[in-house]
Amino acid sequence: MEQPTPSPNKMGIVPIPRLLLSMGAPMMLSMLVQALYNVVDSLFVSYIPDTALIANAGDKAVNALTLAFPVQMFIMALCVGTGVGVNAALSRSLGRKDCRQASRIAGNAMFLSICYYLAVLLFALLGAAAYLRSQTSDPVIAAFGISYLRIVTLGSFGTIGYMCFEKLLQATGQTTAAMLGQLTGSLTNLVLDPIFIFGYCGLPAMGTAGAAIATVIGQCASLAVAALLHFRQNKELTNSLAMLRPSAAVIRQIYTVGGPAIVMQALTSFMTYGMNLILGTISSTAVTAYGIYYKLQNFIFMPAFGLNNASVPIISYNYGAQEKGRIREAIRCGLITVSVIMGCGILLLQCFARQIVGCFSLSGEAVELCVTALRIITCGFFFAGANIILQGVCQALGSGLSSLLISFLRMILVVLPLAWALSRLPGAASLVWLAFPIAEGAACCAAVWLSVRIFRRRMSGLS
């Protein structure tokens, strides 16, 4: 079969600041939309009315979604981590003008996505209830959480498929197309959430189950748009059933970078699960406050992750093309931009924490705990931003294990033991949040050392 003639790729010729802006802005908007996905469900379910049998139904519903959230994050970890490997491998192949290898990588990415959905489907049928009950003994919270989790996992083919096509679009520089898919799904979810949760338009009120149904429909809408745009716009890639045939060599190439990235992303899921258990020893209200804080935090962190997603293919492409100067400039611009994003986030959450949390219908205790968490944890945001970009640098230069080490320090090694220790002290409801900025600061020291070391080693090997 005649292969497409490679054409100049913008990642090799457009000035880095303009390239990072043109690729990063759609990705940052896309990630903001993803954060909207996460917070909209919690916002609406917090307004679920009390009944004669259930008091504080809104708090309990938010608590249930917080307990279910680590599973959703784990699914995202599989997709995002694999996408990092696909992104880096595919971008390097395009940098070498090897369109056939790039097409094989894309096909194997689709094959892996099918395998992921089959595994999640098995969990939905056999493990969802046991997982929820491992975190709470409250029958109302467990019932809310099980109904929500089963539906979102049964319908996870939408988010798994969408994220596969999103990464293929990002790897070829089609970031605006990737953003359109995310935006379509988020708007769909935003419109359908109140209809299914509260029972508008003649439908019965379905509570947390309705939130899950709206989420699944939104994710399927994202999948439809992203798949259509991929097949129409990714002209450098050959799309055929033959490319779906699994290749051990290609899958190994994807997981060389993507495997550590999956573990790195999954650490967020494990951290959240661990924090749910630790905070549960303080009070169920602390768990609810953590759920709200985490989803609000994502409005700041998601643009940083979007910037990271833009910088990885740019650095990878120019690494494949042996452009040292463009690699250096991409790293510098990424660090400056993420610092601006984090600075704006600090100002916003420090100055308007109470007003933002007040948008949720929560008990007074939950509001106070959430405001305290926001004001303490934001002290580490500059460290967190640098960590996110430097993890991407390590990934793009082929050192996924270094990126994993940075993430392990941030998410597990420092934060969980420290949070557990602080939860045993008087005033634990306030002190426990200090674990987050301390962990980010410690990880940032390691990230700077590792990224400088890897950069020098990789650059010395280029002509």
Protein backbone atom coordinates (compact mmCIF):
# COMPACT_ATOMS: atom_id res chain seq x y z
CA MET A 1 0.00 0.00 0.00
CA GLU A 2 1.33 3.42 -0.94
CA GLN A 3 2.10 5.44 2.17
CA PRO A 4 1.12 9.12 2.62
CA THR A 5 3.82 11.60 1.64
CA PRO A 6 5.11 13.23 4.83
CA SER A 7 4.59 16.99 4.96
CA PRO A 8 6.33 19.53 7.22
CA ASN A 9 4.97 19.26 10.75
CA LYS A 10 4.39 22.49 12.69
CA MET A 11 6.12 21.00 15.77
CA GLY A 12 9.42 21.26 13.90
CA ILE A 13 9.11 24.71 12.32
CA VAL A 14 6.77 27.03 14.29
CA PRO A 15 8.52 29.23 16.93
CA ILE A 16 8.25 27.55 20.32
CA PRO A 17 6.30 30.24 22.25
CA ARG A 18 3.67 30.46 19.51
CA LEU A 19 3.64 26.67 19.08
CA LEU A 20 3.19 26.07 22.81
CA LEU A 21 0.38 28.61 22.90
CA SER A 22 -1.38 27.27 19.80
CA MET A 23 -1.16 23.65 20.97
CA GLY A 24 -1.42 24.31 24.69
CA ALA A 25 -4.43 26.65 24.73
CA PRO A 26 -6.86 24.06 23.29
CA MET A 27 -5.40 21.38 25.57
CA MET A 28 -5.70 23.61 28.63
CA LEU A 29 -9.28 24.45 27.70
CA SER A 30 -9.92 20.73 27.15
CA MET A 31 -8.53 19.91 30.59
CA LEU A 32 -10.61 22.70 32.14
CA VAL A 33 -13.63 21.09 30.56
CA GLN A 34 -12.50 17.78 32.08
CA ALA A 35 -12.37 19.47 35.48
CA LEU A 36 -15.90 20.71 34.83
CA TYR A 37 -16.95 17.10 34.29
CA ASN A 38 -15.62 16.21 37.73
CA VAL A 39 -17.16 19.10 39.63
CA VAL A 40 -20.58 19.34 37.96
CA ASP A 41 -21.81 16.00 39.29
CA SER A 42 -20.78 16.91 42.85
CA LEU A 43 -22.31 20.37 42.54
CA PHE A 44 -25.70 19.07 41.46
CA VAL A 45 -25.89 16.09 43.84
CA SER A 46 -25.09 18.39 46.78
CA TYR A 47 -28.60 19.80 46.23
CA ILE A 48 -30.35 16.42 46.51
CA PRO A 49 -33.13 17.15 49.03
CA ASP A 50 -33.43 15.47 52.41
CA THR A 51 -36.20 12.93 52.98
CA ALA A 52 -37.98 11.62 56.06
CA LEU A 53 -35.40 8.80 56.21
CA ILE A 54 -32.25 10.59 55.01
CA ALA A 55 -30.85 13.73 56.64
CA ASN A 56 -28.00 15.69 54.99
CA ALA A 57 -28.67 13.84 51.73
CA GLY A 58 -26.54 16.31 49.76
CA ASP A 59 -23.49 15.79 51.98
CA LYS A 60 -23.92 12.03 51.77
CA ALA A 61 -24.23 12.13 47.97
CA VAL A 62 -21.04 14.20 47.63
CA ASN A 63 -19.33 11.78 50.02
CA ALA A 64 -20.44 8.84 47.86
CA LEU A 65 -19.06 10.41 44.68
CA THR A 66 -15.80 11.15 46.51
CA LEU A 67 -15.46 7.47 47.41
CA ALA A 68 -16.22 6.43 43.82
CA PHE A 69 -13.80 8.96 42.34
CA PRO A 70 -10.58 6.91 42.75
CA VAL A 71 -11.96 4.26 40.37
CA GLN A 72 -12.76 6.92 37.77
CA MET A 73 -9.25 8.30 38.21
CA PHE A 74 -7.77 4.82 37.80
CA ILE A 75 -9.59 4.41 34.48
CA MET A 76 -8.24 7.81 33.48
CA ALA A 77 -4.77 6.69 34.58
CA LEU A 78 -4.86 3.72 32.22
CA CYS A 79 -5.93 5.92 29.32
CA VAL A 80 -3.78 8.96 30.04
CA GLY A 81 -0.68 6.90 30.87
CA THR A 82 -1.03 4.82 27.73
CA GLY A 83 -1.69 8.03 25.81
CA VAL A 84 1.59 9.50 27.08
CA GLY A 85 3.43 6.50 25.67
CA VAL A 86 1.48 6.64 22.41
CA ASN A 87 2.02 10.40 22.18
CA ALA A 88 5.77 10.22 22.68
CA ALA A 89 6.28 7.20 20.38
CA LEU A 90 4.00 8.50 17.64
CA SER A 91 5.49 12.01 17.72
CA ARG A 92 9.04 10.61 17.44
CA SER A 93 7.98 8.46 14.47
CA LEU A 94 6.47 11.48 12.73
CA GLY A 95 9.64 13.46 13.52
CA ARG A 96 11.58 10.75 11.64
CA LYS A 97 8.97 10.88 8.79
CA ASP A 98 8.06 7.21 9.43
CA CYS A 99 4.31 7.32 8.76
CA ARG A 100 3.88 3.54 8.64
CA GLN A 101 5.30 3.05 12.14
CA ALA A 102 3.16 5.93 13.41
CA SER A 103 0.07 4.24 11.96
CA ARG A 104 0.94 0.95 13.67
CA ILE A 105 1.31 2.78 16.98
CA ALA A 106 -2.13 4.38 16.52
CA GLY A 107 -3.72 1.01 15.72
CA ASN A 108 -2.20 -0.66 18.76
CA ALA A 109 -3.45 2.21 20.92
CA MET A 110 -7.00 1.36 19.79
CA PHE A 111 -6.43 -2.33 20.53
CA LEU A 112 -5.24 -1.55 24.07
CA SER A 113 -8.31 0.62 24.66
CA ILE A 114 -10.59 -2.32 23.86
CA CYS A 115 -8.68 -4.46 26.37
CA TYR A 116 -9.02 -1.78 29.05
CA TYR A 117 -12.79 -1.61 28.67
CA LEU A 118 -13.15 -5.38 29.05
CA ALA A 119 -11.20 -5.21 32.32
CA VAL A 120 -13.31 -2.32 33.66
CA LEU A 121 -16.49 -4.13 32.65
CA LEU A 122 -15.42 -7.10 34.78
CA PHE A 123 -14.88 -4.80 37.77
CA ALA A 124 -18.30 -3.18 37.26
CA LEU A 125 -20.01 -6.56 37.44
CA LEU A 126 -18.01 -8.14 40.26
CA GLY A 127 -16.13 -5.54 42.33
CA ALA A 128 -17.97 -2.21 42.54
CA ALA A 129 -20.01 -2.97 45.68
CA ALA A 130 -17.09 -4.46 47.61
CA TYR A 131 -14.90 -1.49 46.74
CA LEU A 132 -17.44 1.07 48.05
CA ARG A 133 -18.08 -0.85 51.26
CA SER A 134 -14.34 -0.99 51.98
CA GLN A 135 -14.46 2.78 52.63
CA THR A 136 -17.73 3.36 54.49
CA SER A 137 -20.10 1.63 56.85
CA ASP A 138 -22.88 4.17 56.24
CA PRO A 139 -25.61 2.31 54.27
CA VAL A 140 -26.92 5.47 52.60
CA ILE A 141 -23.48 6.57 51.36
CA ALA A 142 -22.76 3.02 50.19
CA ALA A 143 -26.05 2.79 48.28
CA PHE A 144 -25.51 6.18 46.63
CA GLY A 145 -21.94 5.25 45.69
CA ILE A 146 -22.68 1.77 44.34
CA SER A 147 -25.44 2.97 42.03
CA TYR A 148 -23.19 5.75 40.68
CA LEU A 149 -20.06 3.62 40.29
CA ARG A 150 -21.73 0.69 38.55
CA ILE A 151 -23.23 2.90 35.88
CA VAL A 152 -20.07 4.91 35.12
CA THR A 153 -17.94 1.77 34.90
CA LEU A 154 -20.43 -0.11 32.71
CA GLY A 155 -20.45 2.89 30.37
CA SER A 156 -16.72 3.59 30.55
CA PHE A 157 -16.23 2.66 26.88
CA GLY A 158 -17.10 6.31 26.16
CA THR A 159 -14.27 7.85 28.16
CA ILE A 160 -11.77 5.11 27.25
CA GLY A 161 -12.48 5.46 23.54
CA TYR A 162 -12.51 9.25 23.65
CA MET A 163 -9.16 9.46 25.42
CA CYS A 164 -7.58 7.14 22.85
CA PHE A 165 -8.63 9.35 19.95
CA GLU A 166 -7.82 12.51 21.92
CA LYS A 167 -4.19 11.42 22.32
CA LEU A 168 -3.92 10.50 18.65
CA LEU A 169 -5.17 13.97 17.72
CA GLN A 170 -2.79 15.63 20.19
CA ALA A 171 0.21 13.63 18.96
CA THR A 172 -0.30 14.90 15.42
CA GLY A 173 -0.82 18.51 16.55
CA GLN A 174 -4.63 18.49 16.12
CA THR A 175 -5.22 19.92 19.59
CA THR A 176 -8.24 22.02 18.66
CA ALA A 177 -10.00 18.93 17.34
CA ALA A 178 -9.26 17.10 20.59
CA MET A 179 -10.68 20.00 22.57
CA LEU A 180 -13.93 19.99 20.58
CA GLY A 181 -14.64 16.40 21.61
CA GLN A 182 -14.10 17.20 25.28
CA LEU A 183 -16.24 20.34 25.06
CA THR A 184 -19.11 18.45 23.42
CA GLY A 185 -19.19 15.86 26.18
CA SER A 186 -18.97 18.38 28.99
CA LEU A 187 -21.81 20.52 27.69
CA THR A 188 -23.93 17.39 27.21
CA ASN A 189 -23.26 16.33 30.79
CA LEU A 190 -23.98 19.85 32.10
CA VAL A 191 -27.40 19.93 30.40
CA LEU A 192 -28.42 16.38 31.32
CA ASP A 193 -27.24 16.34 34.96
CA PRO A 194 -30.15 18.28 36.50
CA ILE A 195 -32.67 16.53 34.24
CA PHE A 196 -31.67 13.04 35.41
CA ILE A 197 -30.76 13.90 39.02
CA PHE A 198 -33.88 15.88 39.92
CA GLY A 199 -36.35 14.42 37.41
CA TYR A 200 -37.17 17.19 34.94
CA CYS A 201 -38.83 16.84 31.51
CA GLY A 202 -41.13 14.09 32.77
CA LEU A 203 -38.33 11.81 33.98
CA PRO A 204 -38.19 10.38 37.53
CA ALA A 205 -35.64 11.83 39.98
CA MET A 206 -32.71 9.38 39.96
CA GLY A 207 -30.24 11.08 42.32
CA THR A 208 -26.66 9.82 42.04
CA ALA A 209 -27.69 7.23 39.44
CA GLY A 210 -28.96 10.09 37.26
CA ALA A 211 -25.61 11.87 37.61
CA ALA A 212 -23.88 8.72 36.39
CA ILE A 213 -26.21 8.35 33.40
CA ALA A 214 -25.61 11.96 32.36
CA THR A 215 -21.85 11.42 32.67
CA VAL A 216 -21.89 8.32 30.48
CA ILE A 217 -23.98 10.01 27.76
CA GLY A 218 -21.60 12.98 27.77
CA GLN A 219 -18.58 10.70 27.44
CA CYS A 220 -20.17 8.88 24.50
CA ALA A 221 -20.77 12.23 22.80
CA SER A 222 -17.06 13.06 23.26
CA LEU A 223 -16.09 9.71 21.75
CA ALA A 224 -18.26 10.24 18.68
CA VAL A 225 -16.80 13.68 17.94
CA ALA A 226 -13.16 12.70 18.58
CA ALA A 227 -13.38 9.53 16.46
CA LEU A 228 -14.94 11.44 13.56
CA LEU A 229 -12.27 14.14 13.68
CA HIS A 230 -9.44 11.60 13.92
CA PHE A 231 -10.51 9.70 10.82
CA ARG A 232 -11.09 12.92 8.90
CA GLN A 233 -8.07 15.00 9.89
CA ASN A 234 -5.17 12.68 10.76
CA LYS A 235 -4.04 12.32 7.15
CA GLU A 236 -0.50 11.34 8.12
CA LEU A 237 -1.83 8.08 9.58
CA THR A 238 -3.16 5.06 7.73
CA ASN A 239 -6.38 3.81 9.33
CA SER A 240 -7.07 0.16 8.55
CA LEU A 241 -7.94 -3.06 10.38
CA ALA A 242 -4.44 -4.35 9.68
CA MET A 243 -3.02 -1.59 11.90
CA LEU A 244 -5.16 -2.87 14.82
CA ARG A 245 -3.22 -6.16 14.86
CA PRO A 246 -1.31 -6.23 18.18
CA SER A 247 2.45 -6.00 17.84
CA ALA A 248 4.65 -6.93 20.79
CA ALA A 249 7.35 -4.54 19.60
CA VAL A 250 4.94 -1.61 19.26
CA ILE A 251 3.22 -2.30 22.58
CA ARG A 252 6.62 -2.56 24.26
CA GLN A 253 7.54 0.82 22.76
CA ILE A 254 4.30 2.36 24.05
CA TYR A 255 4.74 0.97 27.56
CA THR A 256 8.42 1.90 27.81
CA VAL A 257 7.22 5.44 28.47
CA GLY A 258 3.53 4.77 29.00
CA GLY A 259 3.91 2.04 31.61
CA PRO A 260 5.55 4.27 34.20
CA ALA A 261 3.11 7.01 33.19
CA ILE A 262 0.17 4.69 33.94
CA VAL A 263 1.60 3.93 37.37
CA MET A 264 2.29 7.64 37.87
CA GLN A 265 -1.29 8.58 37.00
CA ALA A 266 -2.66 5.69 39.06
CA LEU A 267 -0.83 7.01 42.10
CA THR A 268 -3.40 9.82 42.19
CA SER A 269 -6.11 7.18 42.50
CA PHE A 270 -4.25 5.34 45.25
CA MET A 271 -3.53 8.62 47.06
CA THR A 272 -7.21 9.59 46.98
CA TYR A 273 -8.28 6.18 48.22
CA GLY A 274 -5.70 6.38 51.02
CA MET A 275 -6.74 9.92 51.94
CA ASN A 276 -10.39 8.83 52.04
CA LEU A 277 -9.45 6.16 54.59
CA ILE A 278 -7.28 8.56 56.66
CA LEU A 279 -9.85 11.36 56.64
CA GLY A 280 -12.59 8.86 57.48
CA THR A 281 -10.90 8.37 60.86
CA ILE A 282 -11.39 12.11 61.51
CA SER A 283 -14.99 12.39 60.28
CA SER A 284 -17.17 11.67 57.26
CA THR A 285 -17.44 15.45 56.84
CA ALA A 286 -13.67 15.62 56.27
CA VAL A 287 -14.07 13.13 53.41
CA THR A 288 -16.82 15.29 51.90
CA ALA A 289 -14.65 18.41 52.24
CA TYR A 290 -11.72 16.62 50.58
CA GLY A 291 -13.92 15.60 47.65
CA ILE A 292 -15.01 19.18 47.04
CA TYR A 293 -11.48 20.56 47.49
CA TYR A 294 -9.97 18.03 45.08
CA LYS A 295 -12.43 18.78 42.31
CA LEU A 296 -12.03 22.54 42.73
CA GLN A 297 -8.25 22.15 42.71
CA ASN A 298 -8.54 20.49 39.31
CA PHE A 299 -9.64 23.80 37.78
CA ILE A 300 -6.08 25.00 38.47
CA PHE A 301 -4.19 21.75 37.93
CA MET A 302 -5.95 20.67 34.74
CA PRO A 303 -4.66 23.63 32.67
CA ALA A 304 -1.17 22.76 33.96
CA PHE A 305 -1.67 19.17 32.82
CA GLY A 306 -2.93 20.48 29.47
CA LEU A 307 0.25 22.53 29.11
CA ASN A 308 2.24 19.41 29.98
CA ASN A 309 0.34 17.44 27.33
CA ALA A 310 1.27 20.09 24.77
CA SER A 311 4.94 20.20 25.74
CA VAL A 312 5.49 16.41 25.65
CA PRO A 313 4.89 15.95 21.89
CA ILE A 314 6.79 19.18 21.11
CA ILE A 315 9.84 18.03 23.07
CA SER A 316 9.53 14.45 21.76
CA TYR A 317 9.24 15.59 18.14
CA ASN A 318 12.28 17.85 18.39
CA TYR A 319 14.21 15.18 20.27
CA GLY A 320 13.52 12.83 17.35
CA ALA A 321 14.56 15.62 14.95
CA GLN A 322 17.68 16.38 17.08
CA GLU A 323 16.81 20.06 17.63
CA LYS A 324 18.57 20.94 20.88
CA GLY A 325 17.68 24.61 20.92
CA ARG A 326 13.97 24.00 20.44
CA ILE A 327 13.98 21.45 23.27
CA ARG A 328 15.58 23.94 25.67
CA GLU A 329 13.15 26.68 24.71
CA ALA A 330 10.11 24.40 25.10
CA ILE A 331 11.16 23.51 28.66
CA ARG A 332 11.79 27.15 29.59
CA CYS A 333 8.47 28.37 28.16
CA GLY A 334 6.60 25.54 29.87
CA LEU A 335 7.99 26.41 33.30
CA ILE A 336 7.26 30.12 32.92
CA THR A 337 3.70 29.52 31.72
CA VAL A 338 2.84 27.02 34.43
CA SER A 339 4.11 29.43 37.08
CA VAL A 340 1.70 32.09 35.80
CA ILE A 341 -1.18 29.58 35.89
CA MET A 342 -0.40 28.52 39.44
CA GLY A 343 0.03 32.11 40.62
CA CYS A 344 -3.44 32.97 39.32
CA GLY A 345 -4.83 29.87 41.00
CA ILE A 346 -3.32 30.80 44.35
CA LEU A 347 -4.82 34.30 44.21
CA LEU A 348 -8.24 32.98 43.21
CA LEU A 349 -8.51 30.27 45.86
CA GLN A 350 -6.96 32.31 48.65
CA CYS A 351 -9.19 35.33 48.08
CA PHE A 352 -12.48 33.67 47.14
CA ALA A 353 -12.38 30.25 48.82
CA ARG A 354 -15.53 30.79 50.87
CA GLN A 355 -17.55 32.19 47.99
CA ILE A 356 -16.54 29.33 45.68
CA VAL A 357 -17.31 26.61 48.23
CA GLY A 358 -20.59 28.39 48.95
CA CYS A 359 -21.84 27.35 45.50
CA PHE A 360 -22.30 23.83 46.92
CA SER A 361 -25.20 23.00 49.22
CA LEU A 362 -23.15 21.64 52.14
CA SER A 363 -23.38 21.66 55.91
CA GLY A 364 -21.58 24.46 57.74
CA GLU A 365 -18.92 22.07 59.05
CA ALA A 366 -18.12 20.78 55.57
CA VAL A 367 -17.83 24.33 54.22
CA GLU A 368 -15.38 25.36 56.97
CA LEU A 369 -13.20 22.28 56.46
CA CYS A 370 -13.13 22.78 52.71
CA VAL A 371 -12.15 26.46 53.00
CA THR A 372 -9.36 25.51 55.42
CA ALA A 373 -8.09 22.84 53.01
CA LEU A 374 -8.06 25.23 50.06
CA ARG A 375 -6.14 27.94 51.90
CA ILE A 376 -3.49 25.56 53.27
CA ILE A 377 -2.91 23.38 50.22
CA THR A 378 -2.59 26.27 47.75
CA CYS A 379 0.69 27.21 49.50
CA GLY A 380 2.33 24.38 47.54
CA PHE A 381 0.91 25.19 44.10
CA PHE A 382 4.13 26.70 42.65
CA PHE A 383 5.97 23.48 43.53
CA ALA A 384 3.15 21.42 42.04
CA GLY A 385 3.26 23.32 38.74
CA ALA A 386 7.00 22.81 38.35
CA ASN A 387 6.58 19.12 39.19
CA ILE A 388 3.95 18.67 36.47
CA ILE A 389 6.10 20.24 33.73
CA LEU A 390 9.31 18.49 34.78
CA GLN A 391 7.54 15.13 34.84
CA GLY A 392 6.58 15.80 31.22
CA VAL A 393 10.17 16.66 30.34
CA CYS A 394 11.35 13.32 31.72
CA GLN A 395 8.63 11.48 29.77
CA ALA A 396 9.35 13.28 26.50
CA LEU A 397 13.09 12.52 26.77
CA GLY A 398 12.35 8.83 27.28
CA SER A 399 12.83 8.53 31.06
CA GLY A 400 9.42 7.46 32.27
CA LEU A 401 10.90 5.97 35.44
CA SER A 402 12.21 9.36 36.57
CA SER A 403 8.78 10.86 36.01
CA LEU A 404 7.30 8.00 38.03
CA LEU A 405 9.70 8.68 40.91
CA ILE A 406 8.64 12.35 41.05
CA SER A 407 4.99 11.35 41.11
CA PHE A 408 5.61 8.67 43.75
CA LEU A 409 7.18 11.28 46.03
CA ARG A 410 4.26 13.68 45.50
CA MET A 411 1.42 11.18 45.82
CA ILE A 412 2.52 8.38 48.13
CA LEU A 413 5.87 8.44 49.86
CA VAL A 414 5.51 11.81 51.63
CA VAL A 415 1.85 12.79 51.65
CA LEU A 416 0.16 9.63 52.97
CA PRO A 417 2.48 8.87 55.94
CA LEU A 418 2.54 12.54 56.87
CA ALA A 419 -1.25 12.86 56.60
CA TRP A 420 -1.69 9.75 58.75
CA ALA A 421 0.66 11.19 61.40
CA LEU A 422 -1.10 14.56 61.39
CA SER A 423 -4.50 12.87 61.65
CA ARG A 424 -3.44 11.52 65.06
CA LEU A 425 -2.75 14.97 66.53
CA PRO A 426 -5.14 17.37 68.28
CA GLY A 427 -6.64 19.68 65.65
CA ALA A 428 -6.21 17.01 62.98
CA ALA A 429 -9.12 18.38 60.90
CA SER A 430 -6.95 21.42 60.10
CA LEU A 431 -3.41 20.04 60.40
CA VAL A 432 -3.89 17.10 58.03
CA TRP A 433 -3.96 19.39 54.97
CA LEU A 434 -0.34 20.48 55.59
CA ALA A 435 0.77 17.13 54.17
CA PHE A 436 0.06 18.32 50.60
CA PRO A 437 2.29 21.43 50.28
CA ILE A 438 5.10 19.67 52.17
CA ALA A 439 4.95 16.72 49.75
CA GLU A 440 4.98 19.03 46.69
CA GLY A 441 8.03 20.90 47.98
CA ALA A 442 9.98 17.71 48.65
CA ALA A 443 9.09 16.31 45.22
CA CYS A 444 10.10 19.56 43.48
CA CYS A 445 13.65 19.29 44.82
CA ALA A 446 13.91 15.79 43.37
CA ALA A 447 12.26 16.84 40.08
CA VAL A 448 14.80 19.61 39.43
CA TRP A 449 17.75 17.32 40.09
CA LEU A 450 16.40 14.45 37.95
CA SER A 451 15.31 16.59 34.99
CA VAL A 452 18.63 18.46 34.81
CA ARG A 453 20.51 15.17 34.93
CA ILE A 454 18.40 13.58 32.17
CA PHE A 455 18.51 16.69 29.98
CA ARG A 456 22.31 16.85 30.06
CA ARG A 457 22.63 13.14 29.28
CA ARG A 458 20.18 13.23 26.37
CA MET A 459 21.60 16.41 24.83
CA SER A 460 25.12 15.06 24.89
CA GLY A 461 23.96 12.19 22.68
CA LEU A 462 22.56 14.43 19.92
CA SER A 463 24.56 15.51 16.91
